Amino acid sequence: MAADVLDATFAALADPTRRAILARLMEGEATVTELAAPFAMSQPGISKHLRVLERAGLVSRGRDAQRRPCRLEAAPLKEAVDWLAGYRSYWEESYQRLDALLGELGHDGPDAAERETP
């Protein structure tokens, strides 16, 4: 994945309003008016968020007579998840080492004898 696409995806996801818009679009396409309804924000404000999502490739707009419904484009999200998955083994190994260390401290630590004595 190109770094600029990944940067655009994470930048778009950094805002809670844009994440909420994406969550709504998971249910199906919606107009700007429908997307603006749950927010204390004007339609131009929602449109600015939609432009950021469009530039990141996360949203597309169609044309249906007078309507211009927005729809979720999930491919950039999959690419971001795939990129993050590369770090999963690192974190799993780190947690395993921490578990082992805590296990050693819990059973063989300096206070172990005091804890076992009634």
N, C-alpha and C. Protein backbone atom coordinates (compact mmCIF):
# COMPACT_ATOMS: atom_id res chain seq x y z
N MET A 1 0.86 -1.18 0.00
CA MET A 1 0.00 0.00 0.00
C MET A 1 0.89 1.23 0.00
N ALA A 2 0.57 2.19 -0.83
CA ALA A 2 1.35 3.41 -0.90
C ALA A 2 1.20 4.19 0.40
N ALA A 3 2.29 4.80 0.83
CA ALA A 3 2.28 5.52 2.10
C ALA A 3 1.26 6.65 2.11
N ASP A 4 1.08 7.34 0.99
CA ASP A 4 0.14 8.45 0.98
C ASP A 4 -1.31 7.97 1.12
N VAL A 5 -1.63 6.80 0.59
CA VAL A 5 -2.98 6.25 0.75
C VAL A 5 -3.19 5.84 2.19
N LEU A 6 -2.20 5.20 2.78
CA LEU A 6 -2.29 4.80 4.18
C LEU A 6 -2.41 6.03 5.08
N ASP A 7 -1.62 7.07 4.81
CA ASP A 7 -1.71 8.31 5.57
C ASP A 7 -3.10 8.93 5.47
N ALA A 8 -3.65 8.96 4.26
CA ALA A 8 -4.99 9.53 4.06
C ALA A 8 -6.04 8.73 4.81
N THR A 9 -5.90 7.41 4.80
CA THR A 9 -6.87 6.56 5.51
C THR A 9 -6.84 6.84 7.00
N PHE A 10 -5.65 6.83 7.59
CA PHE A 10 -5.55 7.07 9.03
C PHE A 10 -5.94 8.50 9.39
N ALA A 11 -5.62 9.47 8.55
CA ALA A 11 -6.03 10.85 8.81
C ALA A 11 -7.55 10.96 8.79
N ALA A 12 -8.19 10.29 7.86
CA ALA A 12 -9.66 10.32 7.79
C ALA A 12 -10.28 9.64 9.02
N LEU A 13 -9.66 8.59 9.49
CA LEU A 13 -10.18 7.86 10.65
C LEU A 13 -9.90 8.56 11.97
N ALA A 14 -9.06 9.58 11.95
CA ALA A 14 -8.67 10.26 13.19
C ALA A 14 -9.79 11.09 13.79
N ASP A 15 -10.82 11.40 13.03
CA ASP A 15 -11.90 12.25 13.51
C ASP A 15 -13.12 11.41 13.89
N PRO A 16 -13.68 11.61 15.09
CA PRO A 16 -14.83 10.79 15.52
C PRO A 16 -16.08 10.99 14.65
N THR A 17 -16.27 12.18 14.09
CA THR A 17 -17.42 12.40 13.22
C THR A 17 -17.30 11.56 11.95
N ARG A 18 -16.10 11.52 11.39
CA ARG A 18 -15.89 10.73 10.18
C ARG A 18 -16.04 9.24 10.47
N ARG A 19 -15.58 8.80 11.64
CA ARG A 19 -15.77 7.38 12.00
C ARG A 19 -17.26 7.07 12.14
N ALA A 20 -18.02 8.01 12.71
CA ALA A 20 -19.47 7.81 12.86
C ALA A 20 -20.15 7.77 11.49
N ILE A 21 -19.70 8.59 10.57
CA ILE A 21 -20.25 8.58 9.21
C ILE A 21 -19.98 7.22 8.56
N LEU A 22 -18.77 6.72 8.70
CA LEU A 22 -18.46 5.40 8.14
C LEU A 22 -19.31 4.31 8.77
N ALA A 23 -19.51 4.41 10.08
CA ALA A 23 -20.35 3.41 10.77
C ALA A 23 -21.77 3.45 10.23
N ARG A 24 -22.29 4.64 9.99
CA ARG A 24 -23.64 4.77 9.42
C ARG A 24 -23.68 4.19 8.02
N LEU A 25 -22.65 4.43 7.21
CA LEU A 25 -22.64 3.93 5.84
C LEU A 25 -22.47 2.42 5.76
N MET A 26 -22.03 1.78 6.85
CA MET A 26 -21.98 0.31 6.87
C MET A 26 -23.40 -0.27 6.77
N GLU A 27 -24.39 0.50 7.19
CA GLU A 27 -25.78 0.05 7.13
C GLU A 27 -26.35 0.19 5.73
N GLY A 28 -25.72 0.99 4.88
CA GLY A 28 -26.20 1.22 3.52
C GLY A 28 -25.98 2.65 3.12
N GLU A 29 -26.22 2.94 1.85
CA GLU A 29 -25.97 4.29 1.36
C GLU A 29 -26.92 5.30 1.99
N ALA A 30 -26.48 6.56 1.99
CA ALA A 30 -27.26 7.64 2.60
C ALA A 30 -26.92 8.96 1.92
N THR A 31 -27.85 9.88 1.97
CA THR A 31 -27.62 11.22 1.44
C THR A 31 -26.90 12.07 2.49
N VAL A 32 -26.42 13.22 2.06
CA VAL A 32 -25.76 14.14 2.99
C VAL A 32 -26.74 14.55 4.08
N THR A 33 -27.99 14.80 3.71
CA THR A 33 -29.01 15.19 4.70
C THR A 33 -29.20 14.09 5.74
N GLU A 34 -29.26 12.84 5.29
CA GLU A 34 -29.42 11.72 6.22
C GLU A 34 -28.19 11.57 7.11
N LEU A 35 -27.02 11.79 6.54
CA LEU A 35 -25.79 11.68 7.34
C LEU A 35 -25.66 12.81 8.35
N ALA A 36 -26.18 13.99 8.01
CA ALA A 36 -26.07 15.15 8.89
C ALA A 36 -27.04 15.07 10.07
N ALA A 37 -28.13 14.32 9.93
CA ALA A 37 -29.21 14.31 10.93
C ALA A 37 -28.73 14.07 12.37
N PRO A 38 -27.89 13.10 12.66
CA PRO A 38 -27.53 12.85 14.07
C PRO A 38 -26.52 13.83 14.66
N PHE A 39 -26.00 14.74 13.86
CA PHE A 39 -24.95 15.64 14.32
C PHE A 39 -25.47 17.06 14.47
N ALA A 40 -24.92 17.78 15.42
CA ALA A 40 -25.22 19.21 15.57
C ALA A 40 -24.28 19.96 14.64
N MET A 41 -24.51 19.78 13.34
CA MET A 41 -23.59 20.31 12.35
C MET A 41 -24.38 20.61 11.08
N SER A 42 -23.95 21.60 10.37
CA SER A 42 -24.62 21.97 9.12
C SER A 42 -24.28 20.96 8.01
N GLN A 43 -25.08 21.01 6.96
CA GLN A 43 -24.77 20.16 5.81
C GLN A 43 -23.42 20.51 5.18
N PRO A 44 -23.05 21.79 5.10
CA PRO A 44 -21.70 22.08 4.60
C PRO A 44 -20.60 21.49 5.49
N GLY A 45 -20.84 21.46 6.80
CA GLY A 45 -19.86 20.85 7.71
C GLY A 45 -19.71 19.36 7.45
N ILE A 46 -20.84 18.67 7.26
CA ILE A 46 -20.80 17.24 6.94
C ILE A 46 -20.15 17.03 5.58
N SER A 47 -20.43 17.93 4.65
CA SER A 47 -19.84 17.82 3.31
C SER A 47 -18.31 17.91 3.36
N LYS A 48 -17.78 18.73 4.25
CA LYS A 48 -16.32 18.82 4.40
C LYS A 48 -15.76 17.49 4.88
N HIS A 49 -16.44 16.87 5.85
CA HIS A 49 -16.01 15.55 6.34
C HIS A 49 -16.09 14.52 5.21
N LEU A 50 -17.14 14.59 4.41
CA LEU A 50 -17.29 13.65 3.30
C LEU A 50 -16.18 13.82 2.26
N ARG A 51 -15.75 15.06 2.01
CA ARG A 51 -14.66 15.28 1.07
C ARG A 51 -13.37 14.63 1.56
N VAL A 52 -13.11 14.72 2.88
CA VAL A 52 -11.92 14.06 3.44
C VAL A 52 -12.04 12.55 3.23
N LEU A 53 -13.21 12.00 3.50
CA LEU A 53 -13.43 10.56 3.33
C LEU A 53 -13.32 10.16 1.86
N GLU A 54 -13.81 11.01 0.96
CA GLU A 54 -13.69 10.73 -0.48
C GLU A 54 -12.24 10.75 -0.93
N ARG A 55 -11.47 11.74 -0.47
CA ARG A 55 -10.05 11.81 -0.86
C ARG A 55 -9.28 10.59 -0.37
N ALA A 56 -9.70 10.03 0.76
CA ALA A 56 -9.06 8.83 1.29
C ALA A 56 -9.57 7.56 0.59
N GLY A 57 -10.57 7.71 -0.27
CA GLY A 57 -11.12 6.56 -0.97
C GLY A 57 -12.08 5.73 -0.13
N LEU A 58 -12.52 6.27 1.01
CA LEU A 58 -13.38 5.53 1.92
C LEU A 58 -14.87 5.70 1.61
N VAL A 59 -15.20 6.73 0.84
CA VAL A 59 -16.59 7.03 0.50
C VAL A 59 -16.65 7.39 -0.97
N SER A 60 -17.71 6.98 -1.64
CA SER A 60 -17.96 7.43 -3.01
C SER A 60 -19.39 7.96 -3.07
N ARG A 61 -19.63 8.81 -4.06
CA ARG A 61 -20.98 9.35 -4.24
C ARG A 61 -21.48 8.95 -5.60
N GLY A 62 -22.72 8.48 -5.61
CA GLY A 62 -23.35 8.10 -6.87
C GLY A 62 -24.36 9.14 -7.29
N ARG A 63 -25.12 8.80 -8.31
CA ARG A 63 -26.18 9.69 -8.76
C ARG A 63 -27.39 8.82 -9.03
N ASP A 64 -28.48 9.18 -8.37
CA ASP A 64 -29.75 8.47 -8.53
C ASP A 64 -30.83 9.55 -8.69
N ALA A 65 -31.10 9.92 -9.94
CA ALA A 65 -32.02 11.02 -10.25
C ALA A 65 -31.53 12.28 -9.54
N GLN A 66 -32.32 12.80 -8.59
CA GLN A 66 -31.93 14.01 -7.85
C GLN A 66 -31.06 13.70 -6.65
N ARG A 67 -31.02 12.47 -6.23
CA ARG A 67 -30.23 12.08 -5.05
C ARG A 67 -28.77 11.84 -5.44
N ARG A 68 -27.88 12.12 -4.50
CA ARG A 68 -26.46 11.77 -4.67
C ARG A 68 -26.06 10.97 -3.45
N PRO A 69 -26.45 9.70 -3.40
CA PRO A 69 -26.17 8.89 -2.21
C PRO A 69 -24.68 8.62 -2.03
N CYS A 70 -24.27 8.58 -0.77
CA CYS A 70 -22.89 8.26 -0.41
C CYS A 70 -22.86 6.78 -0.05
N ARG A 71 -21.77 6.15 -0.38
CA ARG A 71 -21.63 4.74 -0.01
C ARG A 71 -20.22 4.47 0.50
N LEU A 72 -20.12 3.49 1.35
CA LEU A 72 -18.84 3.09 1.94
C LEU A 72 -18.01 2.34 0.90
N GLU A 73 -16.74 2.66 0.85
CA GLU A 73 -15.77 1.93 0.04
C GLU A 73 -14.75 1.35 1.02
N ALA A 74 -14.85 0.07 1.28
CA ALA A 74 -14.11 -0.53 2.39
C ALA A 74 -12.68 -0.96 2.04
N ALA A 75 -12.29 -0.95 0.78
CA ALA A 75 -10.97 -1.44 0.40
C ALA A 75 -9.83 -0.74 1.15
N PRO A 76 -9.84 0.59 1.30
CA PRO A 76 -8.74 1.22 2.06
C PRO A 76 -8.71 0.77 3.53
N LEU A 77 -9.87 0.46 4.10
CA LEU A 77 -9.89 -0.04 5.48
C LEU A 77 -9.22 -1.40 5.56
N LYS A 78 -9.47 -2.25 4.58
CA LYS A 78 -8.84 -3.58 4.55
C LYS A 78 -7.33 -3.43 4.44
N GLU A 79 -6.90 -2.51 3.60
CA GLU A 79 -5.46 -2.30 3.44
C GLU A 79 -4.83 -1.80 4.75
N ALA A 80 -5.53 -0.92 5.47
CA ALA A 80 -5.02 -0.44 6.76
C ALA A 80 -4.96 -1.57 7.78
N VAL A 81 -5.99 -2.42 7.80
CA VAL A 81 -6.01 -3.57 8.72
C VAL A 81 -4.86 -4.52 8.38
N ASP A 82 -4.64 -4.75 7.11
CA ASP A 82 -3.54 -5.63 6.70
C ASP A 82 -2.19 -5.05 7.14
N TRP A 83 -2.04 -3.74 7.03
CA TRP A 83 -0.80 -3.10 7.46
C TRP A 83 -0.61 -3.26 8.97
N LEU A 84 -1.68 -3.04 9.72
CA LEU A 84 -1.62 -3.19 11.17
C LEU A 84 -1.35 -4.64 11.60
N ALA A 85 -1.84 -5.59 10.81
CA ALA A 85 -1.67 -7.00 11.15
C ALA A 85 -0.19 -7.38 11.22
N GLY A 86 0.64 -6.66 10.50
CA GLY A 86 2.07 -6.93 10.56
C GLY A 86 2.66 -6.71 11.95
N TYR A 87 2.00 -5.93 12.75
CA TYR A 87 2.48 -5.65 14.11
C TYR A 87 1.88 -6.59 15.14
N ARG A 88 0.93 -7.40 14.73
CA ARG A 88 0.25 -8.28 15.67
C ARG A 88 1.20 -9.28 16.33
N SER A 89 2.07 -9.89 15.55
CA SER A 89 3.00 -10.87 16.13
C SER A 89 3.95 -10.20 17.11
N TYR A 90 4.36 -8.97 16.83
CA TYR A 90 5.21 -8.24 17.77
C TYR A 90 4.52 -8.09 19.12
N TRP A 91 3.26 -7.65 19.10
CA TRP A 91 2.53 -7.43 20.35
C TRP A 91 2.23 -8.75 21.05
N GLU A 92 1.93 -9.79 20.30
CA GLU A 92 1.68 -11.09 20.92
C GLU A 92 2.93 -11.59 21.63
N GLU A 93 4.09 -11.46 20.99
CA GLU A 93 5.35 -11.88 21.62
C GLU A 93 5.65 -11.03 22.85
N SER A 94 5.38 -9.74 22.78
CA SER A 94 5.61 -8.86 23.93
C SER A 94 4.73 -9.26 25.10
N TYR A 95 3.48 -9.56 24.84
CA TYR A 95 2.57 -9.98 25.91
C TYR A 95 2.98 -11.33 26.49
N GLN A 96 3.46 -12.23 25.65
CA GLN A 96 3.93 -13.53 26.15
C GLN A 96 5.14 -13.35 27.07
N ARG A 97 6.06 -12.47 26.68
CA ARG A 97 7.22 -12.21 27.54
C ARG A 97 6.79 -11.58 28.86
N LEU A 98 5.82 -10.66 28.80
CA LEU A 98 5.32 -10.03 30.02
C LEU A 98 4.63 -11.06 30.91
N ASP A 99 3.81 -11.93 30.32
CA ASP A 99 3.16 -12.99 31.09
C ASP A 99 4.20 -13.88 31.78
N ALA A 100 5.25 -14.25 31.04
CA ALA A 100 6.30 -15.09 31.62
C ALA A 100 7.00 -14.38 32.77
N LEU A 101 7.30 -13.11 32.59
CA LEU A 101 7.96 -12.33 33.65
C LEU A 101 7.07 -12.22 34.88
N LEU A 102 5.79 -11.91 34.66
CA LEU A 102 4.87 -11.80 35.79
C LEU A 102 4.71 -13.15 36.50
N GLY A 103 4.73 -14.22 35.72
CA GLY A 103 4.66 -15.55 36.32
C GLY A 103 5.87 -15.84 37.18
N GLU A 104 7.06 -15.45 36.71
CA GLU A 104 8.28 -15.63 37.50
C GLU A 104 8.23 -14.80 38.76
N LEU A 105 7.82 -13.57 38.65
CA LEU A 105 7.75 -12.69 39.81
C LEU A 105 6.71 -13.17 40.81
N GLY A 106 5.63 -13.72 40.32
CA GLY A 106 4.56 -14.19 41.19
C GLY A 106 4.94 -15.42 41.98
N HIS A 107 5.77 -16.28 41.39
CA HIS A 107 6.11 -17.54 42.05
C HIS A 107 7.49 -17.52 42.70
N ASP A 108 8.42 -16.83 42.11
CA ASP A 108 9.80 -16.87 42.58
C ASP A 108 10.33 -15.52 43.02
N GLY A 109 9.47 -14.54 43.15
CA GLY A 109 9.92 -13.20 43.50
C GLY A 109 10.42 -13.13 44.93
N PRO A 110 10.98 -11.99 45.31
CA PRO A 110 11.56 -11.82 46.65
C PRO A 110 10.53 -11.97 47.76
N ASP A 111 9.27 -11.71 47.49
CA ASP A 111 8.26 -11.81 48.53
C ASP A 111 7.55 -13.15 48.53
N ALA A 112 7.95 -14.07 47.66
CA ALA A 112 7.25 -15.35 47.53
C ALA A 112 7.26 -16.13 48.85
N ALA A 113 8.38 -16.16 49.54
CA ALA A 113 8.47 -16.91 50.81
C ALA A 113 7.56 -16.30 51.86
N GLU A 114 7.49 -14.98 51.93
CA GLU A 114 6.63 -14.31 52.90
C GLU A 114 5.16 -14.59 52.63
N ARG A 115 4.77 -14.67 51.36
CA ARG A 115 3.37 -14.92 51.01
C ARG A 115 2.96 -16.33 51.36
N GLU A 116 3.89 -17.27 51.25
CA GLU A 116 3.56 -18.67 51.53
C GLU A 116 3.57 -18.99 53.01
N THR A 117 4.21 -18.20 53.83
CA THR A 117 4.27 -18.45 55.27
C THR A 117 2.98 -17.99 55.93
N PRO A 118 2.29 -18.89 56.68
CA PRO A 118 1.04 -18.48 57.35
C PRO A 118 1.27 -17.55 58.50
